[in-house]
All heavy atoms as atom14 arrays in JSON, in Angstrom:
{
  "sequence": "HAQKFVMFYERLFTKCAGNESCMCHWLRKHREDIKGAPLYVMV",
  "atom14_mask": [
    [1, 1, 1, 1, 1, 1, 1, 1, 1, 1, 0, 0, 0, 0],
    [1, 1, 1, 1, 1, 0, 0, 0, 0, 0, 0, 0, 0, 0],
    [1, 1, 1, 1, 1, 1, 1, 1, 1, 0, 0, 0, 0, 0],
    [1, 1, 1, 1, 1, 1, 1, 1, 1, 0, 0, 0, 0, 0],
    [1, 1, 1, 1, 1, 1, 1, 1, 1, 1, 1, 0, 0, 0],
    [1, 1, 1, 1, 1, 1, 1, 0, 0, 0, 0, 0, 0, 0],
    [1, 1, 1, 1, 1, 1, 1, 1, 0, 0, 0, 0, 0, 0],
    [1, 1, 1, 1, 1, 1, 1, 1, 1, 1, 1, 0, 0, 0],
    [1, 1, 1, 1, 1, 1, 1, 1, 1, 1, 1, 1, 0, 0],
    [1, 1, 1, 1, 1, 1, 1, 1, 1, 0, 0, 0, 0, 0],
    [1, 1, 1, 1, 1, 1, 1, 1, 1, 1, 1, 0, 0, 0],
    [1, 1, 1, 1, 1, 1, 1, 1, 0, 0, 0, 0, 0, 0],
    [1, 1, 1, 1, 1, 1, 1, 1, 1, 1, 1, 0, 0, 0],
    [1, 1, 1, 1, 1, 1, 1, 0, 0, 0, 0, 0, 0, 0],
    [1, 1, 1, 1, 1, 1, 1, 1, 1, 0, 0, 0, 0, 0],
    [1, 1, 1, 1, 1, 1, 0, 0, 0, 0, 0, 0, 0, 0],
    [1, 1, 1, 1, 1, 0, 0, 0, 0, 0, 0, 0, 0, 0],
    [1, 1, 1, 1, 0, 0, 0, 0, 0, 0, 0, 0, 0, 0],
    [1, 1, 1, 1, 1, 1, 1, 1, 0, 0, 0, 0, 0, 0],
    [1, 1, 1, 1, 1, 1, 1, 1, 1, 0, 0, 0, 0, 0],
    [1, 1, 1, 1, 1, 1, 0, 0, 0, 0, 0, 0, 0, 0],
    [1, 1, 1, 1, 1, 1, 0, 0, 0, 0, 0, 0, 0, 0],
    [1, 1, 1, 1, 1, 1, 1, 1, 0, 0, 0, 0, 0, 0],
    [1, 1, 1, 1, 1, 1, 0, 0, 0, 0, 0, 0, 0, 0],
    [1, 1, 1, 1, 1, 1, 1, 1, 1, 1, 0, 0, 0, 0],
    [1, 1, 1, 1, 1, 1, 1, 1, 1, 1, 1, 1, 1, 1],
    [1, 1, 1, 1, 1, 1, 1, 1, 0, 0, 0, 0, 0, 0],
    [1, 1, 1, 1, 1, 1, 1, 1, 1, 1, 1, 0, 0, 0],
    [1, 1, 1, 1, 1, 1, 1, 1, 1, 0, 0, 0, 0, 0],
    [1, 1, 1, 1, 1, 1, 1, 1, 1, 1, 0, 0, 0, 0],
    [1, 1, 1, 1, 1, 1, 1, 1, 1, 1, 1, 0, 0, 0],
    [1, 1, 1, 1, 1, 1, 1, 1, 1, 0, 0, 0, 0, 0],
    [1, 1, 1, 1, 1, 1, 1, 1, 0, 0, 0, 0, 0, 0],
    [1, 1, 1, 1, 1, 1, 1, 1, 0, 0, 0, 0, 0, 0],
    [1, 1, 1, 1, 1, 1, 1, 1, 1, 0, 0, 0, 0, 0],
    [1, 1, 1, 1, 0, 0, 0, 0, 0, 0, 0, 0, 0, 0],
    [1, 1, 1, 1, 1, 0, 0, 0, 0, 0, 0, 0, 0, 0],
    [1, 1, 1, 1, 1, 1, 1, 0, 0, 0, 0, 0, 0, 0],
    [1, 1, 1, 1, 1, 1, 1, 1, 0, 0, 0, 0, 0, 0],
    [1, 1, 1, 1, 1, 1, 1, 1, 1, 1, 1, 1, 0, 0],
    [1, 1, 1, 1, 1, 1, 1, 0, 0, 0, 0, 0, 0, 0],
    [1, 1, 1, 1, 1, 1, 1, 1, 0, 0, 0, 0, 0, 0],
    [1, 1, 1, 1, 1, 1, 1, 0, 0, 0, 0, 0, 0, 0]
  ],
  "atom14_positions": [
    [[97.89, 100.86, 105.07], [99.04, 101.66, 105.24], [99.88, 101.25, 106.47], [101.1, 101.32, 106.46], [98.69, 103.15, 105.37], [98.21, 103.67, 104.04], [99.04, 104.02, 103.0], [96.96, 103.89, 103.49], [98.34, 104.4, 101.95], [97.07, 104.3, 102.27], [0.0, 0.0, 0.0], [0.0, 0.0, 0.0], [0.0, 0.0, 0.0], [0.0, 0.0, 0.0]],
    [[99.25, 100.77, 107.53], [99.92, 100.31, 108.69], [100.77, 99.02, 108.33], [101.93, 98.91, 108.76], [98.96, 99.93, 109.84], [0.0, 0.0, 0.0], [0.0, 0.0, 0.0], [0.0, 0.0, 0.0], [0.0, 0.0, 0.0], [0.0, 0.0, 0.0], [0.0, 0.0, 0.0], [0.0, 0.0, 0.0], [0.0, 0.0, 0.0], [0.0, 0.0, 0.0]],
    [[100.27, 98.15, 107.5], [100.95, 96.94, 107.03], [102.2, 97.44, 106.3], [103.29, 96.93, 106.46], [100.13, 96.06, 106.25], [99.11, 95.34, 106.97], [98.2, 94.52, 106.07], [97.81, 94.9, 105.01], [97.97, 93.28, 106.52], [0.0, 0.0, 0.0], [0.0, 0.0, 0.0], [0.0, 0.0, 0.0], [0.0, 0.0, 0.0], [0.0, 0.0, 0.0]],
    [[102.06, 98.41, 105.4], [103.16, 98.91, 104.63], [104.24, 99.52, 105.54], [105.44, 99.4, 105.32], [102.72, 99.93, 103.59], [101.92, 99.29, 102.45], [101.46, 100.36, 101.47], [100.61, 99.73, 100.37], [100.2, 100.71, 99.38], [0.0, 0.0, 0.0], [0.0, 0.0, 0.0], [0.0, 0.0, 0.0], [0.0, 0.0, 0.0], [0.0, 0.0, 0.0]],
    [[103.81, 100.21, 106.55], [104.69, 100.91, 107.5], [105.51, 99.84, 108.25], [106.75, 99.95, 108.44], [103.93, 101.78, 108.43], [104.74, 102.61, 109.4], [105.69, 103.48, 108.86], [104.61, 102.49, 110.78], [106.49, 104.29, 109.74], [105.36, 103.3, 111.6], [106.3, 104.22, 111.13], [0.0, 0.0, 0.0], [0.0, 0.0, 0.0], [0.0, 0.0, 0.0]],
    [[104.88, 98.72, 108.64], [105.62, 97.64, 109.33], [106.59, 97.0, 108.36], [107.72, 96.74, 108.7], [104.65, 96.64, 109.9], [105.45, 95.43, 110.56], [103.8, 97.27, 111.02], [0.0, 0.0, 0.0], [0.0, 0.0, 0.0], [0.0, 0.0, 0.0], [0.0, 0.0, 0.0], [0.0, 0.0, 0.0], [0.0, 0.0, 0.0], [0.0, 0.0, 0.0]],
    [[106.15, 96.82, 107.1], [107.0, 96.24, 106.07], [108.21, 97.16, 105.85], [109.36, 96.69, 105.71], [106.21, 96.17, 104.78], [106.48, 94.95, 103.95], [105.51, 94.9, 102.39], [103.85, 95.18, 103.0], [0.0, 0.0, 0.0], [0.0, 0.0, 0.0], [0.0, 0.0, 0.0], [0.0, 0.0, 0.0], [0.0, 0.0, 0.0], [0.0, 0.0, 0.0]],
    [[108.0, 98.48, 105.8], [109.09, 99.39, 105.64], [110.09, 99.22, 106.82], [111.3, 99.16, 106.6], [108.57, 100.87, 105.65], [109.47, 101.9, 106.09], [110.52, 102.29, 105.2], [109.43, 102.43, 107.39], [111.44, 103.16, 105.65], [110.4, 103.35, 107.79], [111.4, 103.75, 106.88], [0.0, 0.0, 0.0], [0.0, 0.0, 0.0], [0.0, 0.0, 0.0]],
    [[109.54, 99.2, 108.02], [110.45, 99.01, 109.17], [111.22, 97.72, 109.14], [112.4, 97.75, 109.4], [109.56, 99.03, 110.5], [110.47, 98.8, 111.74], [111.28, 99.82, 112.19], [110.54, 97.61, 112.34], [112.08, 99.61, 113.34], [111.37, 97.38, 113.42], [112.11, 98.4, 113.93], [112.98, 98.18, 114.94], [0.0, 0.0, 0.0], [0.0, 0.0, 0.0]],
    [[110.59, 96.6, 108.76], [111.33, 95.32, 108.62], [112.59, 95.45, 107.7], [113.59, 95.03, 107.97], [110.38, 94.27, 107.99], [109.47, 93.57, 108.93], [108.66, 92.49, 108.12], [109.15, 91.99, 107.11], [107.5, 92.26, 108.59], [0.0, 0.0, 0.0], [0.0, 0.0, 0.0], [0.0, 0.0, 0.0], [0.0, 0.0, 0.0], [0.0, 0.0, 0.0]],
    [[112.26, 96.12, 106.56], [113.3, 96.26, 105.5], [114.43, 97.17, 106.0], [115.6, 96.98, 105.78], [112.7, 96.74, 104.2], [111.82, 95.66, 103.64], [111.09, 96.1, 102.41], [110.18, 95.09, 101.96], [109.39, 95.22, 100.92], [109.32, 96.36, 100.21], [108.57, 94.2, 100.53], [0.0, 0.0, 0.0], [0.0, 0.0, 0.0], [0.0, 0.0, 0.0]],
    [[114.02, 98.32, 106.66], [115.01, 99.21, 107.18], [115.8, 98.55, 108.3], [117.06, 98.72, 108.32], [114.33, 100.47, 107.75], [115.22, 101.56, 108.28], [116.2, 102.08, 107.23], [114.4, 102.69, 108.85], [0.0, 0.0, 0.0], [0.0, 0.0, 0.0], [0.0, 0.0, 0.0], [0.0, 0.0, 0.0], [0.0, 0.0, 0.0], [0.0, 0.0, 0.0]],
    [[115.2, 97.78, 109.13], [115.9, 97.11, 110.21], [116.95, 96.17, 109.62], [118.06, 96.08, 110.11], [114.89, 96.33, 111.09], [115.47, 95.68, 112.27], [115.54, 96.36, 113.47], [116.02, 94.41, 112.21], [116.19, 95.77, 114.63], [116.63, 93.81, 113.36], [116.66, 94.49, 114.53], [0.0, 0.0, 0.0], [0.0, 0.0, 0.0], [0.0, 0.0, 0.0]],
    [[116.55, 95.42, 108.59], [117.51, 94.44, 107.95], [118.6, 95.24, 107.26], [119.78, 94.93, 107.41], [116.78, 93.62, 106.93], [115.73, 92.88, 107.57], [117.68, 92.71, 106.16], [0.0, 0.0, 0.0], [0.0, 0.0, 0.0], [0.0, 0.0, 0.0], [0.0, 0.0, 0.0], [0.0, 0.0, 0.0], [0.0, 0.0, 0.0], [0.0, 0.0, 0.0]],
    [[118.29, 96.27, 106.53], [119.34, 97.09, 105.84], [120.38, 97.64, 106.77], [121.52, 97.65, 106.44], [118.68, 98.22, 105.09], [119.6, 99.14, 104.37], [118.93, 100.25, 103.58], [119.87, 101.05, 102.75], [120.65, 100.35, 101.75], [0.0, 0.0, 0.0], [0.0, 0.0, 0.0], [0.0, 0.0, 0.0], [0.0, 0.0, 0.0], [0.0, 0.0, 0.0]],
    [[119.91, 98.1, 107.93], [120.82, 98.68, 108.9], [121.32, 97.76, 110.0], [121.89, 98.16, 111.01], [120.18, 99.94, 109.5], [119.89, 101.33, 108.36], [0.0, 0.0, 0.0], [0.0, 0.0, 0.0], [0.0, 0.0, 0.0], [0.0, 0.0, 0.0], [0.0, 0.0, 0.0], [0.0, 0.0, 0.0], [0.0, 0.0, 0.0], [0.0, 0.0, 0.0]],
    [[120.99, 96.46, 109.84], [121.37, 95.37, 110.82], [120.96, 95.85, 112.23], [121.6, 95.61, 113.24], [122.9, 95.14, 110.78], [0.0, 0.0, 0.0], [0.0, 0.0, 0.0], [0.0, 0.0, 0.0], [0.0, 0.0, 0.0], [0.0, 0.0, 0.0], [0.0, 0.0, 0.0], [0.0, 0.0, 0.0], [0.0, 0.0, 0.0], [0.0, 0.0, 0.0]],
    [[119.78, 96.5, 112.34], [119.25, 96.9, 113.67], [119.94, 98.05, 114.32], [119.6, 98.4, 115.46], [0.0, 0.0, 0.0], [0.0, 0.0, 0.0], [0.0, 0.0, 0.0], [0.0, 0.0, 0.0], [0.0, 0.0, 0.0], [0.0, 0.0, 0.0], [0.0, 0.0, 0.0], [0.0, 0.0, 0.0], [0.0, 0.0, 0.0], [0.0, 0.0, 0.0]],
    [[120.84, 98.72, 113.63], [121.57, 99.83, 114.17], [120.67, 101.07, 114.23], [120.27, 101.63, 113.17], [122.85, 100.09, 113.32], [123.62, 101.23, 113.9], [123.15, 102.36, 113.99], [124.89, 100.99, 114.21], [0.0, 0.0, 0.0], [0.0, 0.0, 0.0], [0.0, 0.0, 0.0], [0.0, 0.0, 0.0], [0.0, 0.0, 0.0], [0.0, 0.0, 0.0]],
    [[120.32, 101.46, 115.4], [119.39, 102.59, 115.62], [119.8, 103.89, 114.9], [119.01, 104.58, 114.22], [119.19, 102.82, 117.08], [118.22, 103.92, 117.41], [117.93, 104.16, 118.9], [118.41, 103.27, 119.69], [117.31, 105.08, 119.25], [0.0, 0.0, 0.0], [0.0, 0.0, 0.0], [0.0, 0.0, 0.0], [0.0, 0.0, 0.0], [0.0, 0.0, 0.0]],
    [[121.03, 104.29, 115.07], [121.51, 105.55, 114.5], [121.48, 105.41, 112.95], [121.14, 106.4, 112.25], [122.84, 105.95, 115.01], [123.85, 105.0, 114.74], [0.0, 0.0, 0.0], [0.0, 0.0, 0.0], [0.0, 0.0, 0.0], [0.0, 0.0, 0.0], [0.0, 0.0, 0.0], [0.0, 0.0, 0.0], [0.0, 0.0, 0.0], [0.0, 0.0, 0.0]],
    [[121.87, 104.3, 112.42], [121.8, 104.08, 110.96], [120.38, 104.18, 110.41], [120.16, 104.88, 109.4], [122.45, 102.69, 110.61], [122.2, 102.22, 108.94], [0.0, 0.0, 0.0], [0.0, 0.0, 0.0], [0.0, 0.0, 0.0], [0.0, 0.0, 0.0], [0.0, 0.0, 0.0], [0.0, 0.0, 0.0], [0.0, 0.0, 0.0], [0.0, 0.0, 0.0]],
    [[119.49, 103.61, 111.14], [118.06, 103.62, 110.76], [117.52, 105.05, 110.73], [116.85, 105.51, 109.76], [117.24, 102.71, 111.6], [117.56, 101.22, 111.44], [116.82, 100.18, 112.67], [115.11, 100.2, 112.17], [0.0, 0.0, 0.0], [0.0, 0.0, 0.0], [0.0, 0.0, 0.0], [0.0, 0.0, 0.0], [0.0, 0.0, 0.0], [0.0, 0.0, 0.0]],
    [[117.76, 105.76, 111.83], [117.28, 107.18, 111.93], [117.93, 108.06, 110.88], [117.27, 108.92, 110.29], [117.57, 107.68, 113.34], [116.46, 106.91, 114.58], [0.0, 0.0, 0.0], [0.0, 0.0, 0.0], [0.0, 0.0, 0.0], [0.0, 0.0, 0.0], [0.0, 0.0, 0.0], [0.0, 0.0, 0.0], [0.0, 0.0, 0.0], [0.0, 0.0, 0.0]],
    [[119.21, 107.87, 110.65], [119.94, 108.65, 109.63], [119.35, 108.37, 108.23], [119.08, 109.3, 107.45], [121.41, 108.36, 109.68], [122.19, 109.06, 108.64], [122.44, 110.44, 108.65], [122.73, 108.61, 107.48], [123.15, 110.74, 107.57], [123.31, 109.7, 106.83], [0.0, 0.0, 0.0], [0.0, 0.0, 0.0], [0.0, 0.0, 0.0], [0.0, 0.0, 0.0]],
    [[119.19, 107.04, 107.87], [118.69, 106.72, 106.58], [117.27, 107.32, 106.37], [116.99, 107.87, 105.33], [118.61, 105.17, 106.43], [118.24, 104.68, 105.09], [119.13, 104.36, 104.1], [116.95, 104.54, 104.53], [118.43, 104.01, 102.98], [117.08, 104.13, 103.25], [115.66, 104.76, 105.02], [116.0, 103.88, 102.41], [114.57, 104.5, 104.22], [114.74, 104.06, 102.91]],
    [[116.49, 107.35, 107.37], [115.11, 107.81, 107.32], [115.07, 109.29, 106.97], [114.17, 109.78, 106.25], [114.38, 107.52, 108.6], [112.89, 107.82, 108.72], [112.14, 106.98, 107.74], [112.49, 107.55, 110.14], [0.0, 0.0, 0.0], [0.0, 0.0, 0.0], [0.0, 0.0, 0.0], [0.0, 0.0, 0.0], [0.0, 0.0, 0.0], [0.0, 0.0, 0.0]],
    [[116.03, 110.02, 107.47], [115.98, 111.48, 107.37], [117.02, 112.1, 106.35], [116.98, 113.28, 106.14], [116.34, 112.09, 108.76], [115.18, 111.85, 109.71], [115.51, 112.06, 111.15], [114.37, 111.88, 112.02], [113.89, 110.76, 112.45], [114.55, 109.63, 112.13], [112.86, 110.69, 113.26], [0.0, 0.0, 0.0], [0.0, 0.0, 0.0], [0.0, 0.0, 0.0]],
    [[117.76, 111.25, 105.69], [118.76, 111.71, 104.72], [118.12, 111.9, 103.32], [117.36, 110.96, 102.83], [119.91, 110.72, 104.57], [121.05, 111.21, 103.68], [122.13, 110.23, 103.56], [123.19, 110.78, 102.68], [124.09, 109.76, 102.18], [0.0, 0.0, 0.0], [0.0, 0.0, 0.0], [0.0, 0.0, 0.0], [0.0, 0.0, 0.0], [0.0, 0.0, 0.0]],
    [[118.36, 113.04, 102.71], [117.85, 113.31, 101.39], [118.33, 112.27, 100.33], [119.54, 111.91, 100.42], [118.24, 114.69, 100.91], [117.73, 115.06, 99.59], [116.49, 115.56, 99.36], [118.28, 114.9, 98.31], [116.28, 115.7, 98.07], [117.41, 115.33, 97.48], [0.0, 0.0, 0.0], [0.0, 0.0, 0.0], [0.0, 0.0, 0.0], [0.0, 0.0, 0.0]],
    [[117.43, 111.79, 99.5], [117.84, 110.87, 98.5], [117.39, 111.48, 97.13], [116.17, 111.83, 96.98], [117.15, 109.54, 98.69], [117.65, 108.79, 99.89], [117.0, 107.46, 99.99], [117.23, 106.68, 98.73], [118.02, 105.65, 98.66], [118.8, 105.22, 99.72], [118.22, 105.02, 97.5], [0.0, 0.0, 0.0], [0.0, 0.0, 0.0], [0.0, 0.0, 0.0]],
    [[118.28, 111.55, 96.24], [117.93, 112.16, 94.93], [116.92, 111.31, 94.15], [116.06, 111.85, 93.44], [119.2, 112.42, 94.14], [119.04, 113.35, 92.98], [118.43, 114.71, 93.33], [118.84, 115.29, 94.41], [117.56, 115.17, 92.57], [0.0, 0.0, 0.0], [0.0, 0.0, 0.0], [0.0, 0.0, 0.0], [0.0, 0.0, 0.0], [0.0, 0.0, 0.0]],
    [[117.03, 110.02, 94.33], [116.12, 109.12, 93.5], [114.67, 109.25, 93.87], [113.81, 108.98, 93.05], [116.53, 107.67, 93.62], [116.82, 107.15, 95.02], [116.67, 107.94, 96.02], [117.13, 106.0, 95.19], [0.0, 0.0, 0.0], [0.0, 0.0, 0.0], [0.0, 0.0, 0.0], [0.0, 0.0, 0.0], [0.0, 0.0, 0.0], [0.0, 0.0, 0.0]],
    [[114.33, 109.73, 95.09], [112.98, 110.01, 95.4], [112.68, 111.47, 95.66], [111.61, 111.87, 96.14], [112.48, 109.17, 96.65], [113.33, 109.41, 97.87], [112.38, 107.7, 96.24], [112.78, 108.72, 99.13], [0.0, 0.0, 0.0], [0.0, 0.0, 0.0], [0.0, 0.0, 0.0], [0.0, 0.0, 0.0], [0.0, 0.0, 0.0], [0.0, 0.0, 0.0]],
    [[113.69, 112.31, 95.44], [113.61, 113.75, 95.57], [113.23, 114.18, 96.99], [112.35, 115.05, 97.19], [112.6, 114.33, 94.55], [112.88, 113.97, 93.13], [114.14, 114.69, 92.64], [114.26, 114.52, 91.14], [115.48, 113.79, 90.74], [0.0, 0.0, 0.0], [0.0, 0.0, 0.0], [0.0, 0.0, 0.0], [0.0, 0.0, 0.0], [0.0, 0.0, 0.0]],
    [[113.84, 113.5, 98.01], [113.54, 113.94, 99.39], [114.04, 112.9, 100.34], [114.54, 111.81, 99.99], [0.0, 0.0, 0.0], [0.0, 0.0, 0.0], [0.0, 0.0, 0.0], [0.0, 0.0, 0.0], [0.0, 0.0, 0.0], [0.0, 0.0, 0.0], [0.0, 0.0, 0.0], [0.0, 0.0, 0.0], [0.0, 0.0, 0.0], [0.0, 0.0, 0.0]],
    [[113.9, 113.21, 101.62], [114.19, 112.23, 102.67], [113.04, 111.28, 102.8], [111.88, 111.67, 102.73], [114.45, 112.92, 103.96], [0.0, 0.0, 0.0], [0.0, 0.0, 0.0], [0.0, 0.0, 0.0], [0.0, 0.0, 0.0], [0.0, 0.0, 0.0], [0.0, 0.0, 0.0], [0.0, 0.0, 0.0], [0.0, 0.0, 0.0], [0.0, 0.0, 0.0]],
    [[113.29, 109.99, 102.95], [112.25, 108.98, 103.05], [111.11, 109.34, 103.97], [109.95, 109.2, 103.68], [112.99, 107.71, 103.38], [114.33, 107.84, 102.78], [114.64, 109.31, 102.94], [0.0, 0.0, 0.0], [0.0, 0.0, 0.0], [0.0, 0.0, 0.0], [0.0, 0.0, 0.0], [0.0, 0.0, 0.0], [0.0, 0.0, 0.0], [0.0, 0.0, 0.0]],
    [[111.51, 109.79, 105.16], [110.48, 110.18, 106.17], [109.52, 111.19, 105.67], [108.3, 111.03, 105.7], [111.13, 110.68, 107.44], [110.19, 111.26, 108.54], [109.21, 110.2, 109.05], [110.93, 111.91, 109.65], [0.0, 0.0, 0.0], [0.0, 0.0, 0.0], [0.0, 0.0, 0.0], [0.0, 0.0, 0.0], [0.0, 0.0, 0.0], [0.0, 0.0, 0.0]],
    [[110.05, 112.27, 105.02], [109.2, 113.34, 104.51], [108.45, 112.97, 103.21], [107.36, 113.46, 102.98], [109.99, 114.6, 104.37], [110.58, 114.92, 105.75], [112.01, 114.87, 105.9], [109.78, 115.2, 106.82], [112.54, 115.16, 107.13], [110.35, 115.46, 108.06], [111.69, 115.42, 108.21], [112.27, 115.61, 109.49], [0.0, 0.0, 0.0], [0.0, 0.0, 0.0]],
    [[109.02, 112.1, 102.47], [108.31, 111.53, 101.31], [107.09, 110.72, 101.74], [106.0, 110.93, 101.17], [109.27, 110.65, 100.42], [108.5, 109.87, 99.38], [110.33, 111.56, 99.78], [0.0, 0.0, 0.0], [0.0, 0.0, 0.0], [0.0, 0.0, 0.0], [0.0, 0.0, 0.0], [0.0, 0.0, 0.0], [0.0, 0.0, 0.0], [0.0, 0.0, 0.0]],
    [[107.21, 109.91, 102.81], [106.12, 109.23, 103.36], [105.08, 110.11, 104.01], [103.87, 109.94, 103.92], [106.56, 108.14, 104.4], [107.33, 107.02, 103.74], [107.65, 105.62, 104.98], [108.68, 106.46, 106.16], [0.0, 0.0, 0.0], [0.0, 0.0, 0.0], [0.0, 0.0, 0.0], [0.0, 0.0, 0.0], [0.0, 0.0, 0.0], [0.0, 0.0, 0.0]],
    [[105.54, 111.1, 104.75], [104.67, 111.97, 105.63], [104.07, 113.03, 104.76], [102.85, 113.25, 104.78], [105.47, 112.51, 106.82], [104.64, 113.57, 107.55], [105.85, 111.41, 107.74], [0.0, 0.0, 0.0], [0.0, 0.0, 0.0], [0.0, 0.0, 0.0], [0.0, 0.0, 0.0], [0.0, 0.0, 0.0], [0.0, 0.0, 0.0], [0.0, 0.0, 0.0]]
  ]
}
């Protein structure tokens, strides 16, 4: 799971071009396709 978490971070970092606020927002924003915010879906 730690490997997957680092993989997740790599992909998020790339998606948001390293922009901290973009990354934090994406992590906490509700997404209909997974029925929740990515952070809470993982946690």
